[in-house]
PDB file of N, CA and C in Angstrom:
ATOM      1  N   MET A   1       0.971  -2.134   0.652  1.00  0.00           N
ATOM      2  CA  MET A   1      -0.738   0.378  -0.179  1.00  0.00           C
ATOM      3  C   MET A   1       0.941   1.783  -0.250  1.00  0.00           C
ATOM      4  N   ARG A   2       0.500   2.042  -0.535  1.00  0.00           N
ATOM      5  CA  ARG A   2       1.508   3.548  -0.690  1.00  0.00           C
ATOM      6  C   ARG A   2       1.010   4.454   0.250  1.00  0.00           C
ATOM      7  N   THR A   3       1.778   5.456   1.442  1.00  0.00           N
ATOM      8  CA  THR A   3       1.669   5.825   1.965  1.00  0.00           C
ATOM      9  C   THR A   3       0.590   7.126   2.001  1.00  0.00           C
ATOM     10  N   THR A   4       0.158   8.010   2.961  1.00  0.00           N
ATOM     11  CA  THR A   4      -0.506   9.095   2.601  1.00  0.00           C
ATOM     12  C   THR A   4       0.295   9.730   2.009  1.00  0.00           C
ATOM     13  N   GLN A   5       1.146   9.677   2.236  1.00  0.00           N
ATOM     14  CA  GLN A   5       2.415  10.984   1.029  1.00  0.00           C
ATOM     15  C   GLN A   5       2.320  11.445  -0.415  1.00  0.00           C
ATOM     16  N   VAL A   6       2.707   9.778  -1.093  1.00  0.00           N
ATOM     17  CA  VAL A   6       2.820   9.438  -1.729  1.00  0.00           C
ATOM     18  C   VAL A   6       1.167   9.826  -2.574  1.00  0.00           C
ATOM     19  N   ILE A   7      -0.165   9.308  -1.816  1.00  0.00           N
ATOM     20  CA  ILE A   7      -1.334   9.381  -2.270  1.00  0.00           C
ATOM     21  C   ILE A   7      -0.846  11.156  -2.578  1.00  0.00           C
ATOM     22  N   MET A   8      -1.415  11.766  -1.855  1.00  0.00           N
ATOM     23  CA  MET A   8      -1.802  13.119  -1.703  1.00  0.00           C
ATOM     24  C   MET A   8      -0.782  13.843  -3.223  1.00  0.00           C
ATOM     25  N   LYS A   9       0.700  13.702  -2.433  1.00  0.00           N
ATOM     26  CA  LYS A   9       1.317  13.537  -3.684  1.00  0.00           C
ATOM     27  C   LYS A   9       0.843  13.369  -5.064  1.00  0.00           C
ATOM     28  N   ASP A  10       0.796  12.099  -5.439  1.00  0.00           N
ATOM     29  CA  ASP A  10      -0.113  11.653  -6.630  1.00  0.00           C
ATOM     30  C   ASP A  10      -0.809  12.515  -6.677  1.00  0.00           C
ATOM     31  N   GLY A  11      -1.887  12.674  -6.301  1.00  0.00           N
ATOM     32  CA  GLY A  11      -3.432  14.061  -6.642  1.00  0.00           C
ATOM     33  C   GLY A  11      -4.049  14.845  -6.558  1.00  0.00           C
ATOM     34  N   ILE A  12      -2.210  15.638  -6.217  1.00  0.00           N
ATOM     35  CA  ILE A  12      -2.118  16.736  -6.247  1.00  0.00           C
ATOM     36  C   ILE A  12      -1.771  16.869  -8.058  1.00  0.00           C
ATOM     37  N   GLU A  13      -0.553  16.331  -8.998  1.00  0.00           N
ATOM     38  CA  GLU A  13       0.787  16.482  -9.654  1.00  0.00           C
ATOM     39  C   GLU A  13      -0.940  16.114 -10.631  1.00  0.00           C
ATOM     40  N   CYS A  14      -2.120  14.666 -10.898  1.00  0.00           N
ATOM     41  CA  CYS A  14      -3.631  14.795 -11.001  1.00  0.00           C
ATOM     42  C   CYS A  14      -3.890  16.203 -11.405  1.00  0.00           C
ATOM     43  N   LEU A  15      -4.573  16.518 -10.083  1.00  0.00           N
ATOM     44  CA  LEU A  15      -5.291  17.986  -9.734  1.00  0.00           C
ATOM     45  C   LEU A  15      -4.775  19.040 -10.957  1.00  0.00           C
ATOM     46  N   LEU A  16      -2.466  19.046 -10.917  1.00  0.00           N
ATOM     47  CA  LEU A  16      -2.241  20.302 -12.223  1.00  0.00           C
ATOM     48  C   LEU A  16      -2.568  20.524 -13.344  1.00  0.00           C
ATOM     49  N   LYS A  17      -2.179  18.747 -12.967  1.00  0.00           N
ATOM     50  CA  LYS A  17      -1.840  18.032 -14.967  1.00  0.00           C
ATOM     51  C   LYS A  17      -3.627  18.653 -15.553  1.00  0.00           C
ATOM     52  N   LYS A  18      -4.313  17.985 -15.115  1.00  0.00           N
ATOM     53  CA  LYS A  18      -5.952  18.515 -14.886  1.00  0.00           C
ATOM     54  C   LYS A  18      -6.124  19.164 -15.363  1.00  0.00           C
ATOM     55  N   MET A  19      -5.687  20.714 -14.790  1.00  0.00           N
ATOM     56  CA  MET A  19      -7.020  21.550 -14.258  1.00  0.00           C
ATOM     57  C   MET A  19      -5.620  22.668 -14.458  1.00  0.00           C
ATOM     58  N   GLY A  20      -4.596  22.899 -14.205  1.00  0.00           N
ATOM     59  CA  GLY A  20      -3.374  23.927 -14.221  1.00  0.00           C
ATOM     60  C   GLY A  20      -3.444  24.035 -12.072  1.00  0.00           C
ATOM     61  N   ALA A  21      -2.179  24.847 -12.524  1.00  0.00           N
ATOM     62  CA  ALA A  21      -2.824  25.884 -10.485  1.00  0.00           C
ATOM     63  C   ALA A  21      -3.699  26.067  -9.878  1.00  0.00           C
ATOM     64  N   LEU A  22      -4.295  27.409 -11.681  1.00  0.00           N
ATOM     65  CA  LEU A  22      -4.824  28.313 -10.444  1.00  0.00           C
ATOM     66  C   LEU A  22      -6.162  27.602  -9.888  1.00  0.00           C
ATOM     67  N   GLU A  23      -6.655  26.477 -10.595  1.00  0.00           N
ATOM     68  CA  GLU A  23      -7.661  26.106 -10.967  1.00  0.00           C
ATOM     69  C   GLU A  23      -7.901  24.818  -9.751  1.00  0.00           C
ATOM     70  N   THR A  24      -6.910  24.166 -10.293  1.00  0.00           N
ATOM     71  CA  THR A  24      -6.683  23.462  -8.666  1.00  0.00           C
ATOM     72  C   THR A  24      -6.161  23.751  -7.426  1.00  0.00           C
ATOM     73  N   GLU A  25      -5.994  24.966  -7.310  1.00  0.00           N
ATOM     74  CA  GLU A  25      -6.021  25.843  -6.092  1.00  0.00           C
ATOM     75  C   GLU A  25      -7.101  26.501  -5.605  1.00  0.00           C
ATOM     76  N   ILE A  26      -8.043  26.975  -6.095  1.00  0.00           N
ATOM     77  CA  ILE A  26      -9.507  27.171  -6.381  1.00  0.00           C
ATOM     78  C   ILE A  26     -10.988  25.990  -5.401  1.00  0.00           C
ATOM     79  N   PHE A  27      -9.865  24.509  -6.360  1.00  0.00           N
ATOM     80  CA  PHE A  27     -10.728  23.163  -5.779  1.00  0.00           C
ATOM     81  C   PHE A  27     -10.361  23.458  -4.523  1.00  0.00           C
ATOM     82  N   ILE A  28      -9.028  23.283  -4.353  1.00  0.00           N
ATOM     83  CA  ILE A  28      -8.274  22.860  -3.517  1.00  0.00           C
ATOM     84  C   ILE A  28      -8.866  23.881  -2.146  1.00  0.00           C
ATOM     85  N   SER A  29      -9.217  25.023  -1.836  1.00  0.00           N
ATOM     86  CA  SER A  29      -9.356  25.917  -0.819  1.00  0.00           C
ATOM     87  C   SER A  29     -11.455  25.561  -1.007  1.00  0.00           C
ATOM     88  N   ASN A  30     -11.853  25.423  -1.841  1.00  0.00           N
ATOM     89  CA  ASN A  30     -13.387  24.537  -1.899  1.00  0.00           C
ATOM     90  C   ASN A  30     -13.648  24.039  -1.826  1.00  0.00           C
ATOM     91  N   LEU A  31     -11.926  23.524  -1.336  1.00  0.00           N
ATOM     92  CA  LEU A  31     -12.928  21.543  -0.199  1.00  0.00           C
ATOM     93  C   LEU A  31     -12.471  21.898   1.120  1.00  0.00           C
ATOM     94  N   LEU A  32     -11.506  23.330   1.838  1.00  0.00           N
ATOM     95  CA  LEU A  32     -10.827  22.599   2.853  1.00  0.00           C
ATOM     96  C   LEU A  32     -12.523  24.364   3.161  1.00  0.00           C
ATOM     97  N   LYS A  33     -13.030  25.549   3.261  1.00  0.00           N
ATOM     98  CA  LYS A  33     -13.467  26.403   3.243  1.00  0.00           C
ATOM     99  C   LYS A  33     -14.801  25.445   3.162  1.00  0.00           C
ATOM    100  N   GLU A  34     -15.707  25.018   2.913  1.00  0.00           N
ATOM    101  CA  GLU A  34     -16.949  24.469   2.675  1.00  0.00           C
ATOM    102  C   GLU A  34     -17.046  22.818   3.948  1.00  0.00           C
ATOM    103  N   SER A  35     -16.510  22.547   4.439  1.00  0.00           N
ATOM    104  CA  SER A  35     -16.836  21.386   5.138  1.00  0.00           C
ATOM    105  C   SER A  35     -16.982  20.555   4.206  1.00  0.00           C
ATOM    106  N   PHE A  36     -16.916  19.838   3.171  1.00  0.00           N
ATOM    107  CA  PHE A  36     -16.840  19.573   2.380  1.00  0.00           C
ATOM    108  C   PHE A  36     -17.226  17.684   2.612  1.00  0.00           C
ATOM    109  N   ASP A  37     -17.343  16.843   2.111  1.00  0.00           N
ATOM    110  CA  ASP A  37     -18.450  15.568   3.322  1.00  0.00           C
ATOM    111  C   ASP A  37     -18.264  14.888   1.467  1.00  0.00           C
ATOM    112  N   TYR A  38     -17.435  13.700   1.776  1.00  0.00           N
ATOM    113  CA  TYR A  38     -17.335  13.095   0.152  1.00  0.00           C
ATOM    114  C   TYR A  38     -18.151  11.626   0.266  1.00  0.00           C
ATOM    115  N   THR A  39     -18.683  11.605   1.373  1.00  0.00           N
ATOM    116  CA  THR A  39     -19.329  10.221   1.473  1.00  0.00           C
ATOM    117  C   THR A  39     -21.213  10.740   1.053  1.00  0.00           C
ATOM    118  N   GLU A  40     -20.906  11.606   1.590  1.00  0.00           N
ATOM    119  CA  GLU A  40     -23.022  12.257   1.519  1.00  0.00           C
ATOM    120  C   GLU A  40     -22.393  12.971   0.172  1.00  0.00           C
ATOM    121  N   TRP A  41     -22.412  13.540  -0.544  1.00  0.00           N
ATOM    122  CA  TRP A  41     -21.640  13.666  -1.471  1.00  0.00           C
ATOM    123  C   TRP A  41     -21.747  13.006  -3.117  1.00  0.00           C
ATOM    124  N   GLN A  42     -20.990  11.728  -2.951  1.00  0.00           N
ATOM    125  CA  GLN A  42     -20.886  10.295  -3.242  1.00  0.00           C
ATOM    126  C   GLN A  42     -22.464   9.510  -4.303  1.00  0.00           C
ATOM    127  N   ARG A  43     -22.861  10.201  -2.588  1.00  0.00           N
ATOM    128  CA  ARG A  43     -24.131   9.522  -2.170  1.00  0.00           C
ATOM    129  C   ARG A  43     -24.651  10.365  -2.802  1.00  0.00           C
ATOM    130  N   GLU A  44     -25.300  11.138  -2.555  1.00  0.00           N
ATOM    131  CA  GLU A  44     -26.000  11.845  -3.711  1.00  0.00           C
ATOM    132  C   GLU A  44     -25.621  11.857  -5.301  1.00  0.00           C
ATOM    133  N   TYR A  45     -24.663  11.999  -5.666  1.00  0.00           N
ATOM    134  CA  TYR A  45     -23.825  12.207  -6.874  1.00  0.00           C
ATOM    135  C   TYR A  45     -24.622   9.848  -8.248  1.00  0.00           C
ATOM    136  N   PHE A  46     -24.395   9.492  -6.835  1.00  0.00           N
ATOM    137  CA  PHE A  46     -24.578   8.223  -7.869  1.00  0.00           C
ATOM    138  C   PHE A  46     -25.870   7.608  -6.961  1.00  0.00           C
ATOM    139  N   LYS A  47     -26.876   8.834  -6.297  1.00  0.00           N
ATOM    140  CA  LYS A  47     -28.215   7.870  -5.555  1.00  0.00           C
ATOM    141  C   LYS A  47     -28.918   6.998  -6.855  1.00  0.00           C
ATOM    142  N   ASP A  48     -28.869   8.001  -8.742  1.00  0.00           N
ATOM    143  CA  ASP A  48     -30.183   6.665  -9.770  1.00  0.00           C
ATOM    144  C   ASP A  48     -29.379   6.090 -10.179  1.00  0.00           C
ATOM    145  N   ILE A  49     -27.910   5.841  -9.784  1.00  0.00           N
ATOM    146  CA  ILE A  49     -27.349   4.750 -10.964  1.00  0.00           C
ATOM    147  C   ILE A  49     -27.205   3.517 -10.576  1.00  0.00           C
ATOM    148  N   SER A  50     -27.166   2.251 -10.889  1.00  0.00           N
ATOM    149  CA  SER A  50     -27.475   0.825 -10.196  1.00  0.00           C
ATOM    150  C   SER A  50     -25.640   0.827  -9.428  1.00  0.00           C
ATOM    151  N   MET A  51     -25.454  -0.531  -9.810  1.00  0.00           N
ATOM    152  CA  MET A  51     -24.154  -0.861  -8.759  1.00  0.00           C
ATOM    153  C   MET A  51     -23.725  -1.704 -10.443  1.00  0.00           C
ATOM    154  N   ASP A  52     -24.842  -2.197 -11.277  1.00  0.00           N
ATOM    155  CA  ASP A  52     -24.312  -2.951 -12.014  1.00  0.00           C
ATOM    156  C   ASP A  52     -24.096  -1.620 -13.060  1.00  0.00           C
ATOM    157  N   GLU A  53     -24.540  -0.897 -13.204  1.00  0.00           N
ATOM    158  CA  GLU A  53     -24.383   0.641 -14.408  1.00  0.00           C
ATOM    159  C   GLU A  53     -23.157   1.357 -14.180  1.00  0.00           C
ATOM    160  N   PHE A  54     -23.323   1.853 -12.069  1.00  0.00           N
ATOM    161  CA  PHE A  54     -21.387   2.370 -11.775  1.00  0.00           C
ATOM    162  C   PHE A  54     -20.461   0.930 -12.853  1.00  0.00           C
ATOM    163  N   LEU A  55     -20.138   0.047 -12.016  1.00  0.00           N
ATOM    164  CA  LEU A  55     -19.512  -1.265 -12.442  1.00  0.00           C
ATOM    165  C   LEU A  55     -19.100  -0.864 -14.301  1.00  0.00           C
ATOM    166  N   GLU A  56     -20.566  -1.385 -15.265  1.00  0.00           N
ATOM    167  CA  GLU A  56     -20.208  -1.531 -16.311  1.00  0.00           C
ATOM    168  C   GLU A  56     -19.313  -0.087 -16.711  1.00  0.00           C
ATOM    169  N   LYS A  57     -19.764   0.753 -16.469  1.00  0.00           N
ATOM    170  CA  LYS A  57     -18.691   2.266 -16.522  1.00  0.00           C
ATOM    171  C   LYS A  57     -17.998   3.019 -15.614  1.00  0.00           C
ATOM    172  N   ALA A  58     -17.283   2.301 -15.116  1.00  0.00           N
ATOM    173  CA  ALA A  58     -16.166   2.013 -14.029  1.00  0.00           C
ATOM    174  C   ALA A  58     -15.272   1.492 -14.999  1.00  0.00           C
ATOM    175  N   ALA A  59     -15.554   0.162 -15.185  1.00  0.00           N
ATOM    176  CA  ALA A  59     -14.904  -1.084 -16.526  1.00  0.00           C
ATOM    177  C   ALA A  59     -14.317  -0.544 -17.986  1.00  0.00           C
ATOM    178  N   GLN A  60     -15.403   0.485 -18.526  1.00  0.00           N
ATOM    179  CA  GLN A  60     -15.335   1.254 -20.084  1.00  0.00           C
ATOM    180  C   GLN A  60     -14.045   2.378 -19.096  1.00  0.00           C
ATOM    181  N   TYR A  61     -14.599   2.672 -18.542  1.00  0.00           N
ATOM    182  CA  TYR A  61     -13.791   3.984 -18.412  1.00  0.00           C
ATOM    183  C   TYR A  61     -12.081   3.804 -18.595  1.00  0.00           C
ATOM    184  N   ASP A  62     -11.852   2.411 -17.377  1.00  0.00           N
ATOM    185  CA  ASP A  62     -11.036   1.998 -17.300  1.00  0.00           C
ATOM    186  C   ASP A  62      -9.719   1.155 -18.485  1.00  0.00           C
ATOM    187  N   ARG A  63     -11.255   0.266 -19.860  1.00  0.00           N
ATOM    188  CA  ARG A  63     -10.501   0.416 -20.711  1.00  0.00           C
ATOM    189  C   ARG A  63     -10.903   1.414 -22.048  1.00  0.00           C
ATOM    190  N   ASP A  64     -10.292   2.656 -21.265  1.00  0.00           N
ATOM    191  CA  ASP A  64     -10.599   3.864 -22.356  1.00  0.00           C
ATOM    192  C   ASP A  64      -9.936   4.683 -21.788  1.00  0.00           C
ATOM    193  N   HIS A  65      -9.364   4.371 -20.583  1.00  0.00           N
ATOM    194  CA  HIS A  65      -8.378   5.693 -19.966  1.00  0.00           C
ATOM    195  C   HIS A  65      -7.107   4.307 -19.036  1.00  0.00           C
ATOM    196  N   PRO A  66      -5.813   3.419 -19.925  1.00  0.00           N
ATOM    197  CA  PRO A  66      -5.079   2.884 -19.301  1.00  0.00           C
ATOM    198  C   PRO A  66      -4.598   3.343 -18.375  1.00  0.00           C
ATOM    199  N   TRP A  67      -3.728   2.522 -17.247  1.00  0.00           N
ATOM    200  CA  TRP A  67      -2.932   3.246 -16.343  1.00  0.00           C
ATOM    201  C   TRP A  67      -1.114   2.233 -17.341  1.00  0.00           C
ATOM    202  N   GLU A  68      -0.101   2.495 -17.386  1.00  0.00           N
ATOM    203  CA  GLU A  68       1.031   2.254 -17.220  1.00  0.00           C
ATOM    204  C   GLU A  68       1.945   3.000 -15.822  1.00  0.00           C
ATOM    205  N   LYS A  69       2.756   2.471 -15.636  1.00  0.00           N
ATOM    206  CA  LYS A  69       3.634   3.063 -14.291  1.00  0.00           C
ATOM    207  C   LYS A  69       4.931   3.813 -15.244  1.00  0.00           C
ATOM    208  N   ALA A  70       5.393   3.095 -16.185  1.00  0.00           N
ATOM    209  CA  ALA A  70       5.978   4.389 -16.938  1.00  0.00           C
ATOM    210  C   ALA A  70       5.844   6.131 -16.951  1.00  0.00           C
ATOM    211  N   GLU A  71       3.779   5.233 -17.614  1.00  0.00           N
ATOM    212  CA  GLU A  71       2.838   7.081 -17.462  1.00  0.00           C
ATOM    213  C   GLU A  71       3.455   7.862 -16.111  1.00  0.00           C
ATOM    214  N   ALA A  72       2.849   7.117 -14.918  1.00  0.00           N
ATOM    215  CA  ALA A  72       1.945   7.858 -13.749  1.00  0.00           C
ATOM    216  C   ALA A  72       3.484   8.663 -12.678  1.00  0.00           C
ATOM    217  N   PRO A  73       3.028  10.061 -12.322  1.00  0.00           N
ATOM    218  CA  PRO A  73       3.572  10.609 -11.954  1.00  0.00           C
ATOM    219  C   PRO A  73       4.025  10.210 -10.226  1.00  0.00           C
ATOM    220  N   GLY A  74       5.844  10.826 -10.388  1.00  0.00           N
ATOM    221  CA  GLY A  74       6.263   9.809  -8.627  1.00  0.00           C
ATOM    222  C   GLY A  74       6.702   9.020  -9.684  1.00  0.00           C
ATOM    223  N   ALA A  75       6.590   7.921 -10.669  1.00  0.00           N
ATOM    224  CA  ALA A  75       7.239   6.723 -10.423  1.00  0.00           C
ATOM    225  C   ALA A  75       8.180   6.203 -10.754  1.00  0.00           C
ATOM    226  N   LYS A  76       8.379   5.362  -9.666  1.00  0.00           N
ATOM    227  CA  LYS A  76      10.883   4.780  -9.722  1.00  0.00           C
ATOM    228  C   LYS A  76       9.782   3.810 -10.061  1.00  0.00           C
ATOM    229  N   PHE A  77      11.205   3.578 -10.923  1.00  0.00           N
ATOM    230  CA  PHE A  77      11.440   1.912 -11.630  1.00  0.00           C
ATOM    231  C   PHE A  77      12.742   1.645 -11.130  1.00  0.00           C
ATOM    232  N   ALA A  78      13.124   0.545 -10.713  1.00  0.00           N
ATOM    233  CA  ALA A  78      14.311  -0.239  -9.947  1.00  0.00           C
ATOM    234  C   ALA A  78      15.436  -1.474 -10.685  1.00  0.00           C
TER     235      ALA A  78
END
């Protein structure tokens, strides 16, 4: 299992790559300022989707976005 520090670093790198520095800062600021409850958010966001539909969409996303260690932020090779 990866450490919290590595997960946080990779998460920030993903946000920066996708949204850029300014929007990443806005996103993080809003999370901190709004007592954001991820569990409550996901319940609301996914309330109208069946488990089968969710799993199919997740599998399709995985097929459409293959992950390779060589492209992963912070990936180290021995």
